[in-house]
Amino acid sequence: MAKRQFTIDTGREKIPVEGHAHKNVAVKYLMRRRRSLLGTRDPQKVDTLYSSLPTNIKIIGKQLTHEYKINWERVGSAEFEGSRFVFTMDEEQLQSGDTIHNVPTVVNMD
């Protein structure tokens, strides 16, 4: 499967990326943000980075847009107990065609 063009919309910025699927693109971006937090030693910088983490992101493809709600925890309490900067993703429900671009369909009338 070839990589496709996506745009990540965090509300503050739009980032063009390549990937295979909407969810995989989102996970890769969020893991990159998590690694930058884990690698930072200065506590004040960690606080500023943590406060700027996105809570909603949109992955915009050519035809579909998926929106995810991100829940960040400083220390994991559920599945990954004790891990630092754990996140979970919940896909937002599609609302009245807001996130699906209308794509015309071709009907063969022969």
PDB file of N, CA and C in Angstrom:
ATOM      1  N   MET A   1       0.844  -1.173   0.000  1.00  0.00           N
ATOM      2  CA  MET A   1       0.000   0.000   0.000  1.00  0.00           C
ATOM      3  C   MET A   1       0.893   1.240   0.000  1.00  0.00           C
ATOM      4  N   ALA A   2       0.609   2.166  -0.861  1.00  0.00           N
ATOM      5  CA  ALA A   2       1.425   3.380  -0.985  1.00  0.00           C
ATOM      6  C   ALA A   2       1.039   4.392   0.087  1.00  0.00           C
ATOM      7  N   LYS A   3       1.993   5.231   0.428  1.00  0.00           N
ATOM      8  CA  LYS A   3       1.714   6.283   1.407  1.00  0.00           C
ATOM      9  C   LYS A   3       0.875   7.371   0.751  1.00  0.00           C
ATOM     10  N   ARG A   4      -0.008   7.953   1.569  1.00  0.00           N
ATOM     11  CA  ARG A   4      -0.896   9.008   1.085  1.00  0.00           C
ATOM     12  C   ARG A   4      -0.604  10.304   1.825  1.00  0.00           C
ATOM     13  N   GLN A   5      -1.076  11.401   1.262  1.00  0.00           N
ATOM     14  CA  GLN A   5      -0.890  12.717   1.846  1.00  0.00           C
ATOM     15  C   GLN A   5      -1.995  12.992   2.867  1.00  0.00           C
ATOM     16  N   PHE A   6      -1.610  13.448   4.053  1.00  0.00           N
ATOM     17  CA  PHE A   6      -2.551  13.841   5.101  1.00  0.00           C
ATOM     18  C   PHE A   6      -2.118  15.191   5.650  1.00  0.00           C
ATOM     19  N   THR A   7      -3.047  15.878   6.297  1.00  0.00           N
ATOM     20  CA  THR A   7      -2.745  17.109   7.019  1.00  0.00           C
ATOM     21  C   THR A   7      -3.227  16.923   8.448  1.00  0.00           C
ATOM     22  N   ILE A   8      -2.344  17.184   9.410  1.00  0.00           N
ATOM     23  CA  ILE A   8      -2.699  17.110  10.827  1.00  0.00           C
ATOM     24  C   ILE A   8      -3.072  18.519  11.272  1.00  0.00           C
ATOM     25  N   ASP A   9      -4.303  18.676  11.767  1.00  0.00           N
ATOM     26  CA  ASP A   9      -4.780  19.964  12.258  1.00  0.00           C
ATOM     27  C   ASP A   9      -4.933  19.870  13.770  1.00  0.00           C
ATOM     28  N   THR A  10      -4.059  20.586  14.495  1.00  0.00           N
ATOM     29  CA  THR A  10      -4.098  20.543  15.960  1.00  0.00           C
ATOM     30  C   THR A  10      -4.893  21.705  16.548  1.00  0.00           C
ATOM     31  N   GLY A  11      -5.373  22.594  15.710  1.00  0.00           N
ATOM     32  CA  GLY A  11      -6.054  23.790  16.187  1.00  0.00           C
ATOM     33  C   GLY A  11      -5.113  24.978  16.210  1.00  0.00           C
ATOM     34  N   ARG A  12      -3.841  24.731  16.448  1.00  0.00           N
ATOM     35  CA  ARG A  12      -2.828  25.786  16.460  1.00  0.00           C
ATOM     36  C   ARG A  12      -2.028  25.824  15.166  1.00  0.00           C
ATOM     37  N   GLU A  13      -1.853  24.638  14.576  1.00  0.00           N
ATOM     38  CA  GLU A  13      -1.051  24.550  13.362  1.00  0.00           C
ATOM     39  C   GLU A  13      -1.544  23.414  12.485  1.00  0.00           C
ATOM     40  N   LYS A  14      -1.182  23.475  11.205  1.00  0.00           N
ATOM     41  CA  LYS A  14      -1.502  22.412  10.257  1.00  0.00           C
ATOM     42  C   LYS A  14      -0.187  21.868   9.716  1.00  0.00           C
ATOM     43  N   ILE A  15      -0.023  20.550   9.816  1.00  0.00           N
ATOM     44  CA  ILE A  15       1.236  19.906   9.467  1.00  0.00           C
ATOM     45  C   ILE A  15       0.979  18.903   8.341  1.00  0.00           C
ATOM     46  N   PRO A  16       1.602  19.078   7.161  1.00  0.00           N
ATOM     47  CA  PRO A  16       1.447  18.073   6.100  1.00  0.00           C
ATOM     48  C   PRO A  16       2.355  16.869   6.372  1.00  0.00           C
ATOM     49  N   VAL A  17       1.793  15.661   6.264  1.00  0.00           N
ATOM     50  CA  VAL A  17       2.538  14.427   6.522  1.00  0.00           C
ATOM     51  C   VAL A  17       2.138  13.370   5.497  1.00  0.00           C
ATOM     52  N   GLU A  18       2.883  12.268   5.483  1.00  0.00           N
ATOM     53  CA  GLU A  18       2.544  11.114   4.665  1.00  0.00           C
ATOM     54  C   GLU A  18       2.289   9.928   5.580  1.00  0.00           C
ATOM     55  N   GLY A  19       1.400   9.043   5.158  1.00  0.00           N
ATOM     56  CA  GLY A  19       1.123   7.863   5.960  1.00  0.00           C
ATOM     57  C   GLY A  19       0.181   6.926   5.249  1.00  0.00           C
ATOM     58  N   HIS A  20      -0.180   5.849   5.919  1.00  0.00           N
ATOM     59  CA  HIS A  20      -1.046   4.841   5.324  1.00  0.00           C
ATOM     60  C   HIS A  20      -2.503   4.999   5.741  1.00  0.00           C
ATOM     61  N   ALA A  21      -2.759   5.248   7.023  1.00  0.00           N
ATOM     62  CA  ALA A  21      -4.135   5.328   7.533  1.00  0.00           C
ATOM     63  C   ALA A  21      -4.245   6.507   8.503  1.00  0.00           C
ATOM     64  N   HIS A  22      -5.453   7.027   8.645  1.00  0.00           N
ATOM     65  CA  HIS A  22      -5.685   8.194   9.491  1.00  0.00           C
ATOM     66  C   HIS A  22      -5.207   7.960  10.922  1.00  0.00           C
ATOM     67  N   LYS A  23      -5.591   6.832  11.506  1.00  0.00           N
ATOM     68  CA  LYS A  23      -5.254   6.565  12.907  1.00  0.00           C
ATOM     69  C   LYS A  23      -3.747   6.387  13.098  1.00  0.00           C
ATOM     70  N   ASN A  24      -3.089   5.719  12.155  1.00  0.00           N
ATOM     71  CA  ASN A  24      -1.641   5.522  12.264  1.00  0.00           C
ATOM     72  C   ASN A  24      -0.892   6.846  12.182  1.00  0.00           C
ATOM     73  N   VAL A  25      -1.366   7.760  11.356  1.00  0.00           N
ATOM     74  CA  VAL A  25      -0.748   9.086  11.254  1.00  0.00           C
ATOM     75  C   VAL A  25      -0.887   9.823  12.582  1.00  0.00           C
ATOM     76  N   ALA A  26      -2.068   9.721  13.203  1.00  0.00           N
ATOM     77  CA  ALA A  26      -2.299  10.383  14.488  1.00  0.00           C
ATOM     78  C   ALA A  26      -1.398   9.806  15.578  1.00  0.00           C
ATOM     79  N   VAL A  27      -1.291   8.478  15.639  1.00  0.00           N
ATOM     80  CA  VAL A  27      -0.469   7.835  16.669  1.00  0.00           C
ATOM     81  C   VAL A  27       0.997   8.216  16.493  1.00  0.00           C
ATOM     82  N   LYS A  28       1.475   8.238  15.269  1.00  0.00           N
ATOM     83  CA  LYS A  28       2.879   8.586  15.024  1.00  0.00           C
ATOM     84  C   LYS A  28       3.173  10.020  15.484  1.00  0.00           C
ATOM     85  N   TYR A  29       2.264  10.956  15.187  1.00  0.00           N
ATOM     86  CA  TYR A  29       2.442  12.344  15.608  1.00  0.00           C
ATOM     87  C   TYR A  29       2.424  12.458  17.132  1.00  0.00           C
ATOM     88  N   LEU A  30       1.469  11.786  17.788  1.00  0.00           N
ATOM     89  CA  LEU A  30       1.357  11.877  19.247  1.00  0.00           C
ATOM     90  C   LEU A  30       2.544  11.217  19.948  1.00  0.00           C
ATOM     91  N   MET A  31       3.059  10.125  19.401  1.00  0.00           N
ATOM     92  CA  MET A  31       4.238   9.485  19.989  1.00  0.00           C
ATOM     93  C   MET A  31       5.464  10.388  19.861  1.00  0.00           C
ATOM     94  N   ARG A  32       5.551  11.122  18.780  1.00  0.00           N
ATOM     95  CA  ARG A  32       6.668  12.071  18.622  1.00  0.00           C
ATOM     96  C   ARG A  32       6.588  13.152  19.688  1.00  0.00           C
ATOM     97  N   ARG A  33       5.375  13.653  19.950  1.00  0.00           N
ATOM     98  CA  ARG A  33       5.208  14.662  20.998  1.00  0.00           C
ATOM     99  C   ARG A  33       5.532  14.073  22.373  1.00  0.00           C
ATOM    100  N   ARG A  34       5.139  12.818  22.609  1.00  0.00           N
ATOM    101  CA  ARG A  34       5.406  12.149  23.888  1.00  0.00           C
ATOM    102  C   ARG A  34       6.906  11.953  24.091  1.00  0.00           C
ATOM    103  N   ARG A  35       7.615  11.549  23.037  1.00  0.00           N
ATOM    104  CA  ARG A  35       9.065  11.353  23.154  1.00  0.00           C
ATOM    105  C   ARG A  35       9.790  12.649  23.471  1.00  0.00           C
ATOM    106  N   SER A  36       9.312  13.762  22.921  1.00  0.00           N
ATOM    107  CA  SER A  36       9.954  15.038  23.248  1.00  0.00           C
ATOM    108  C   SER A  36       9.758  15.376  24.722  1.00  0.00           C
ATOM    109  N   LEU A  37       8.617  14.999  25.289  1.00  0.00           N
ATOM    110  CA  LEU A  37       8.407  15.201  26.730  1.00  0.00           C
ATOM    111  C   LEU A  37       9.310  14.297  27.557  1.00  0.00           C
ATOM    112  N   LEU A  38       9.412  13.038  27.165  1.00  0.00           N
ATOM    113  CA  LEU A  38      10.221  12.084  27.932  1.00  0.00           C
ATOM    114  C   LEU A  38      11.699  12.435  27.896  1.00  0.00           C
ATOM    115  N   GLY A  39      12.158  13.039  26.809  1.00  0.00           N
ATOM    116  CA  GLY A  39      13.573  13.363  26.679  1.00  0.00           C
ATOM    117  C   GLY A  39      13.969  14.696  27.290  1.00  0.00           C
ATOM    118  N   THR A  40      12.999  15.478  27.763  1.00  0.00           N
ATOM    119  CA  THR A  40      13.279  16.797  28.329  1.00  0.00           C
ATOM    120  C   THR A  40      13.562  16.668  29.826  1.00  0.00           C
ATOM    121  N   ARG A  41      14.652  17.257  30.270  1.00  0.00           N
ATOM    122  CA  ARG A  41      15.051  17.167  31.681  1.00  0.00           C
ATOM    123  C   ARG A  41      14.567  18.347  32.527  1.00  0.00           C
ATOM    124  N   ASP A  42      14.461  19.535  31.937  1.00  0.00           N
ATOM    125  CA  ASP A  42      14.085  20.733  32.671  1.00  0.00           C
ATOM    126  C   ASP A  42      12.600  20.673  33.063  1.00  0.00           C
ATOM    127  N   PRO A  43      12.276  20.677  34.367  1.00  0.00           N
ATOM    128  CA  PRO A  43      10.878  20.550  34.811  1.00  0.00           C
ATOM    129  C   PRO A  43       9.973  21.677  34.305  1.00  0.00           C
ATOM    130  N   GLN A  44      10.508  22.895  34.201  1.00  0.00           N
ATOM    131  CA  GLN A  44       9.688  24.003  33.712  1.00  0.00           C
ATOM    132  C   GLN A  44       9.345  23.824  32.238  1.00  0.00           C
ATOM    133  N   LYS A  45      10.307  23.351  31.469  1.00  0.00           N
ATOM    134  CA  LYS A  45      10.058  23.113  30.050  1.00  0.00           C
ATOM    135  C   LYS A  45       9.083  21.954  29.863  1.00  0.00           C
ATOM    136  N   VAL A  46       9.172  20.946  30.729  1.00  0.00           N
ATOM    137  CA  VAL A  46       8.232  19.829  30.677  1.00  0.00           C
ATOM    138  C   VAL A  46       6.815  20.335  30.927  1.00  0.00           C
ATOM    139  N   ASP A  47       6.644  21.232  31.912  1.00  0.00           N
ATOM    140  CA  ASP A  47       5.323  21.791  32.202  1.00  0.00           C
ATOM    141  C   ASP A  47       4.761  22.566  31.020  1.00  0.00           C
ATOM    142  N   THR A  48       5.598  23.364  30.358  1.00  0.00           N
ATOM    143  CA  THR A  48       5.111  24.128  29.205  1.00  0.00           C
ATOM    144  C   THR A  48       4.786  23.209  28.029  1.00  0.00           C
ATOM    145  N   LEU A  49       5.609  22.195  27.808  1.00  0.00           N
ATOM    146  CA  LEU A  49       5.319  21.246  26.736  1.00  0.00           C
ATOM    147  C   LEU A  49       4.046  20.462  27.020  1.00  0.00           C
ATOM    148  N   TYR A  50       3.863  20.041  28.275  1.00  0.00           N
ATOM    149  CA  TYR A  50       2.678  19.275  28.652  1.00  0.00           C
ATOM    150  C   TYR A  50       1.409  20.107  28.491  1.00  0.00           C
ATOM    151  N   SER A  51       1.491  21.387  28.857  1.00  0.00           N
ATOM    152  CA  SER A  51       0.301  22.239  28.744  1.00  0.00           C
ATOM    153  C   SER A  51      -0.032  22.552  27.287  1.00  0.00           C
ATOM    154  N   SER A  52       0.938  22.412  26.376  1.00  0.00           N
ATOM    155  CA  SER A  52       0.670  22.706  24.969  1.00  0.00           C
ATOM    156  C   SER A  52       0.320  21.466  24.152  1.00  0.00           C
ATOM    157  N   LEU A  53       0.183  20.300  24.817  1.00  0.00           N
ATOM    158  CA  LEU A  53      -0.189  19.089  24.091  1.00  0.00           C
ATOM    159  C   LEU A  53      -1.609  19.214  23.546  1.00  0.00           C
ATOM    160  N   PRO A  54      -1.856  18.713  22.341  1.00  0.00           N
ATOM    161  CA  PRO A  54      -3.204  18.833  21.773  1.00  0.00           C
ATOM    162  C   PRO A  54      -4.188  17.884  22.451  1.00  0.00           C
ATOM    163  N   THR A  55      -5.426  18.329  22.623  1.00  0.00           N
ATOM    164  CA  THR A  55      -6.477  17.478  23.180  1.00  0.00           C
ATOM    165  C   THR A  55      -7.444  17.015  22.093  1.00  0.00           C
ATOM    166  N   ASN A  56      -7.480  17.697  20.974  1.00  0.00           N
ATOM    167  CA  ASN A  56      -8.273  17.295  19.806  1.00  0.00           C
ATOM    168  C   ASN A  56      -7.402  17.470  18.574  1.00  0.00           C
ATOM    169  N   ILE A  57      -7.380  16.472  17.716  1.00  0.00           N
ATOM    170  CA  ILE A  57      -6.674  16.623  16.451  1.00  0.00           C
ATOM    171  C   ILE A  57      -7.551  16.089  15.326  1.00  0.00           C
ATOM    172  N   LYS A  58      -7.361  16.680  14.155  1.00  0.00           N
ATOM    173  CA  LYS A  58      -8.043  16.230  12.952  1.00  0.00           C
ATOM    174  C   LYS A  58      -6.987  15.740  11.978  1.00  0.00           C
ATOM    175  N   ILE A  59      -7.241  14.589  11.390  1.00  0.00           N
ATOM    176  CA  ILE A  59      -6.384  14.061  10.344  1.00  0.00           C
ATOM    177  C   ILE A  59      -7.180  14.206   9.047  1.00  0.00           C
ATOM    178  N   ILE A  60      -6.722  15.088   8.186  1.00  0.00           N
ATOM    179  CA  ILE A  60      -7.450  15.432   6.978  1.00  0.00           C
ATOM    180  C   ILE A  60      -6.810  14.721   5.795  1.00  0.00           C
ATOM    181  N   GLY A  61      -7.576  13.853   5.143  1.00  0.00           N
ATOM    182  CA  GLY A  61      -7.132  13.181   3.930  1.00  0.00           C
ATOM    183  C   GLY A  61      -7.759  13.854   2.723  1.00  0.00           C
ATOM    184  N   LYS A  62      -7.605  13.241   1.548  1.00  0.00           N
ATOM    185  CA  LYS A  62      -8.203  13.831   0.355  1.00  0.00           C
ATOM    186  C   LYS A  62      -9.723  13.752   0.386  1.00  0.00           C
ATOM    187  N   GLN A  63     -10.274  12.648   0.908  1.00  0.00           N
ATOM    188  CA  GLN A  63     -11.718  12.471   0.883  1.00  0.00           C
ATOM    189  C   GLN A  63     -12.353  12.452   2.268  1.00  0.00           C
ATOM    190  N   LEU A  64     -11.643  11.967   3.259  1.00  0.00           N
ATOM    191  CA  LEU A  64     -12.208  11.852   4.604  1.00  0.00           C
ATOM    192  C   LEU A  64     -11.380  12.626   5.615  1.00  0.00           C
ATOM    193  N   THR A  65     -12.061  13.047   6.668  1.00  0.00           N
ATOM    194  CA  THR A  65     -11.398  13.679   7.801  1.00  0.00           C
ATOM    195  C   THR A  65     -11.815  12.932   9.060  1.00  0.00           C
ATOM    196  N   HIS A  66     -10.839  12.501   9.830  1.00  0.00           N
ATOM    197  CA  HIS A  66     -11.118  11.835  11.106  1.00  0.00           C
ATOM    198  C   HIS A  66     -10.685  12.770  12.228  1.00  0.00           C
ATOM    199  N   GLU A  67     -11.525  12.863  13.257  1.00  0.00           N
ATOM    200  CA  GLU A  67     -11.215  13.703  14.405  1.00  0.00           C
ATOM    201  C   GLU A  67     -11.077  12.812  15.630  1.00  0.00           C
ATOM    202  N   TYR A  68     -10.029  13.063  16.411  1.00  0.00           N
ATOM    203  CA  TYR A  68      -9.755  12.256  17.598  1.00  0.00           C
ATOM    204  C   TYR A  68      -9.673  13.154  18.827  1.00  0.00           C
ATOM    205  N   LYS A  69     -10.228  12.669  19.939  1.00  0.00           N
ATOM    206  CA  LYS A  69     -10.101  13.346  21.237  1.00  0.00           C
ATOM    207  C   LYS A  69      -8.993  12.625  21.985  1.00  0.00           C
ATOM    208  N   ILE A  70      -8.018  13.378  22.465  1.00  0.00           N
ATOM    209  CA  ILE A  70      -6.843  12.822  23.121  1.00  0.00           C
ATOM    210  C   ILE A  70      -6.921  13.109  24.618  1.00  0.00           C
ATOM    211  N   ASN A  71      -6.779  12.062  25.424  1.00  0.00           N
ATOM    212  CA  ASN A  71      -6.735  12.201  26.885  1.00  0.00           C
ATOM    213  C   ASN A  71      -5.308  11.915  27.345  1.00  0.00           C
ATOM    214  N   TRP A  72      -4.634  12.930  27.862  1.00  0.00           N
ATOM    215  CA  TRP A  72      -3.253  12.801  28.334  1.00  0.00           C
ATOM    216  C   TRP A  72      -3.244  12.602  29.840  1.00  0.00           C
ATOM    217  N   GLU A  73      -2.342  11.771  30.334  1.00  0.00           N
ATOM    218  CA  GLU A  73      -2.120  11.596  31.775  1.00  0.00           C
ATOM    219  C   GLU A  73      -0.629  11.718  32.049  1.00  0.00           C
ATOM    220  N   ARG A  74      -0.276  12.408  33.111  1.00  0.00           N
ATOM    221  CA  ARG A  74       1.152  12.514  33.470  1.00  0.00           C
ATOM    222  C   ARG A  74       1.709  11.156  33.864  1.00  0.00           C
ATOM    223  N   VAL A  75       0.956  10.402  34.634  1.00  0.00           N
ATOM    224  CA  VAL A  75       1.357   9.045  35.025  1.00  0.00           C
ATOM    225  C   VAL A  75       0.179   8.133  34.733  1.00  0.00           C
ATOM    226  N   GLY A  76       0.436   7.071  33.981  1.00  0.00           N
ATOM    227  CA  GLY A  76      -0.627   6.153  33.594  1.00  0.00           C
ATOM    228  C   GLY A  76      -1.277   5.493  34.790  1.00  0.00           C
ATOM    229  N   SER A  77      -2.614   5.402  34.764  1.00  0.00           N
ATOM    230  CA  SER A  77      -3.315   4.805  35.893  1.00  0.00           C
ATOM    231  C   SER A  77      -4.076   3.547  35.500  1.00  0.00           C
ATOM    232  N   ALA A  78      -4.405   3.392  34.247  1.00  0.00           N
ATOM    233  CA  ALA A  78      -5.231   2.249  33.852  1.00  0.00           C
ATOM    234  C   ALA A  78      -4.374   1.149  33.233  1.00  0.00           C
ATOM    235  N   GLU A  79      -4.324   1.116  31.932  1.00  0.00           N
ATOM    236  CA  GLU A  79      -3.670   0.016  31.237  1.00  0.00           C
ATOM    237  C   GLU A  79      -2.147   0.035  31.402  1.00  0.00           C
ATOM    238  N   PHE A  80      -1.554   1.209  31.327  1.00  0.00           N
ATOM    239  CA  PHE A  80      -0.103   1.328  31.440  1.00  0.00           C
ATOM    240  C   PHE A  80       0.250   2.021  32.747  1.00  0.00           C
ATOM    241  N   GLU A  81      -0.053   1.375  33.851  1.00  0.00           N
ATOM    242  CA  GLU A  81       0.128   1.977  35.170  1.00  0.00           C
ATOM    243  C   GLU A  81       1.596   2.265  35.432  1.00  0.00           C
ATOM    244  N   GLY A  82       1.885   3.501  35.842  1.00  0.00           N
ATOM    245  CA  GLY A  82       3.242   3.902  36.167  1.00  0.00           C
ATOM    246  C   GLY A  82       3.995   4.526  35.006  1.00  0.00           C
ATOM    247  N   SER A  83       3.546   4.341  33.783  1.00  0.00           N
ATOM    248  CA  SER A  83       4.206   4.956  32.624  1.00  0.00           C
ATOM    249  C   SER A  83       3.946   6.453  32.639  1.00  0.00           C
ATOM    250  N   ARG A  84       4.907   7.201  32.113  1.00  0.00           N
ATOM    251  CA  ARG A  84       4.770   8.661  32.096  1.00  0.00           C
ATOM    252  C   ARG A  84       4.190   9.124  30.776  1.00  0.00           C
ATOM    253  N   PHE A  85       3.361  10.174  30.835  1.00  0.00           N
ATOM    254  CA  PHE A  85       2.779  10.850  29.678  1.00  0.00           C
ATOM    255  C   PHE A  85       2.060   9.867  28.746  1.00  0.00           C
ATOM    256  N   VAL A  86       1.094   9.173  29.317  1.00  0.00           N
ATOM    257  CA  VAL A  86       0.286   8.205  28.581  1.00  0.00           C
ATOM    258  C   VAL A  86      -0.873   8.948  27.919  1.00  0.00           C
ATOM    259  N   PHE A  87      -1.238   8.531  26.712  1.00  0.00           N
ATOM    260  CA  PHE A  87      -2.407   9.127  26.061  1.00  0.00           C
ATOM    261  C   PHE A  87      -3.329   8.032  25.541  1.00  0.00           C
ATOM    262  N   THR A  88      -4.619   8.366  25.475  1.00  0.00           N
ATOM    263  CA  THR A  88      -5.605   7.499  24.847  1.00  0.00           C
ATOM    264  C   THR A  88      -6.335   8.320  23.791  1.00  0.00           C
ATOM    265  N   MET A  89      -6.755   7.637  22.730  1.00  0.00           N
ATOM    266  CA  MET A  89      -7.435   8.308  21.622  1.00  0.00           C
ATOM    267  C   MET A  89      -8.851   7.776  21.501  1.00  0.00           C
ATOM    268  N   ASP A  90      -9.798   8.681  21.379  1.00  0.00           N
ATOM    269  CA  ASP A  90     -11.192   8.322  21.116  1.00  0.00           C
ATOM    270  C   ASP A  90     -11.610   9.032  19.834  1.00  0.00           C
ATOM    271  N   GLU A  91     -12.141   8.258  18.879  1.00  0.00           N
ATOM    272  CA  GLU A  91     -12.567   8.879  17.626  1.00  0.00           C
ATOM    273  C   GLU A  91     -13.887   9.597  17.850  1.00  0.00           C
ATOM    274  N   GLU A  92     -13.947  10.853  17.414  1.00  0.00           N
ATOM    275  CA  GLU A  92     -15.159  11.654  17.543  1.00  0.00           C
ATOM    276  C   GLU A  92     -16.185  11.181  16.526  1.00  0.00           C
ATOM    277  N   GLN A  93     -17.452  11.324  16.866  1.00  0.00           N
ATOM    278  CA  GLN A  93     -18.530  10.939  15.967  1.00  0.00           C
ATOM    279  C   GLN A  93     -18.630  11.940  14.816  1.00  0.00           C
ATOM    280  N   LEU A  94     -18.976  11.438  13.644  1.00  0.00           N
ATOM    281  CA  LEU A  94     -19.182  12.309  12.495  1.00  0.00           C
ATOM    282  C   LEU A  94     -20.488  13.072  12.695  1.00  0.00           C
ATOM    283  N   GLN A  95     -20.459  14.381  12.443  1.00  0.00           N
ATOM    284  CA  GLN A  95     -21.632  15.202  12.700  1.00  0.00           C
ATOM    285  C   GLN A  95     -22.120  15.832  11.408  1.00  0.00           C
ATOM    286  N   SER A  96     -23.258  15.430  10.957  1.00  0.00           N
ATOM    287  CA  SER A  96     -23.989  16.023   9.830  1.00  0.00           C
ATOM    288  C   SER A  96     -23.094  16.353   8.640  1.00  0.00           C
ATOM    289  N   GLY A  97     -22.212  15.452   8.289  1.00  0.00           N
ATOM    290  CA  GLY A  97     -21.381  15.657   7.111  1.00  0.00           C
ATOM    291  C   GLY A  97     -20.251  16.651   7.294  1.00  0.00           C
ATOM    292  N   ASP A  98     -20.001  17.107   8.522  1.00  0.00           N
ATOM    293  CA  ASP A  98     -18.938  18.086   8.750  1.00  0.00           C
ATOM    294  C   ASP A  98     -17.568  17.520   8.405  1.00  0.00           C
ATOM    295  N   THR A  99     -17.365  16.259   8.697  1.00  0.00           N
ATOM    296  CA  THR A  99     -16.035  15.710   8.523  1.00  0.00           C
ATOM    297  C   THR A  99     -15.888  14.834   7.294  1.00  0.00           C
ATOM    298  N   ILE A 100     -16.960  14.667   6.516  1.00  0.00           N
ATOM    299  CA  ILE A 100     -16.855  13.902   5.280  1.00  0.00           C
ATOM    300  C   ILE A 100     -17.070  14.857   4.115  1.00  0.00           C
ATOM    301  N   HIS A 101     -16.110  14.889   3.206  1.00  0.00           N
ATOM    302  CA  HIS A 101     -16.261  15.709   2.023  1.00  0.00           C
ATOM    303  C   HIS A 101     -17.223  14.997   1.076  1.00  0.00           C
ATOM    304  N   ASN A 102     -18.104  15.733   0.449  1.00  0.00           N
ATOM    305  CA  ASN A 102     -19.045  15.139  -0.486  1.00  0.00           C
ATOM    306  C   ASN A 102     -18.303  14.765  -1.761  1.00  0.00           C
ATOM    307  N   VAL A 103     -18.301  13.487  -2.072  1.00  0.00           N
ATOM    308  CA  VAL A 103     -17.618  12.978  -3.254  1.00  0.00           C
ATOM    309  C   VAL A 103     -18.691  12.530  -4.244  1.00  0.00           C
ATOM    310  N   PRO A 104     -18.703  13.107  -5.450  1.00  0.00           N
ATOM    311  CA  PRO A 104     -19.730  12.702  -6.412  1.00  0.00           C
ATOM    312  C   PRO A 104     -19.518  11.252  -6.846  1.00  0.00           C
ATOM    313  N   THR A 105     -20.623  10.560  -7.042  1.00  0.00           N
ATOM    314  CA  THR A 105     -20.550   9.185  -7.511  1.00  0.00           C
ATOM    315  C   THR A 105     -20.958   9.148  -8.972  1.00  0.00           C
ATOM    316  N   VAL A 106     -20.351   8.256  -9.724  1.00  0.00           N
ATOM    317  CA  VAL A 106     -20.640   8.126 -11.141  1.00  0.00           C
ATOM    318  C   VAL A 106     -21.535   6.912 -11.330  1.00  0.00           C
ATOM    319  N   VAL A 107     -22.654   7.117 -12.007  1.00  0.00           N
ATOM    320  CA  VAL A 107     -23.594   6.027 -12.264  1.00  0.00           C
ATOM    321  C   VAL A 107     -23.581   5.751 -13.763  1.00  0.00           C
ATOM    322  N   ASN A 108     -23.406   4.503 -14.122  1.00  0.00           N
ATOM    323  CA  ASN A 108     -23.411   4.108 -15.519  1.00  0.00           C
ATOM    324  C   ASN A 108     -24.857   3.957 -15.975  1.00  0.00           C
ATOM    325  N   MET A 109     -25.305   4.764 -16.899  1.00  0.00           N
ATOM    326  CA  MET A 109     -26.705   4.774 -17.343  1.00  0.00           C
ATOM    327  C   MET A 109     -26.905   4.044 -18.665  1.00  0.00           C
ATOM    328  N   ASP A 110     -26.086   3.041 -18.992  1.00  0.00           N
ATOM    329  CA  ASP A 110     -26.231   2.316 -20.256  1.00  0.00           C
ATOM    330  C   ASP A 110     -27.399   1.387 -20.252  1.00  0.00           C
TER     331      ASP A 110
END
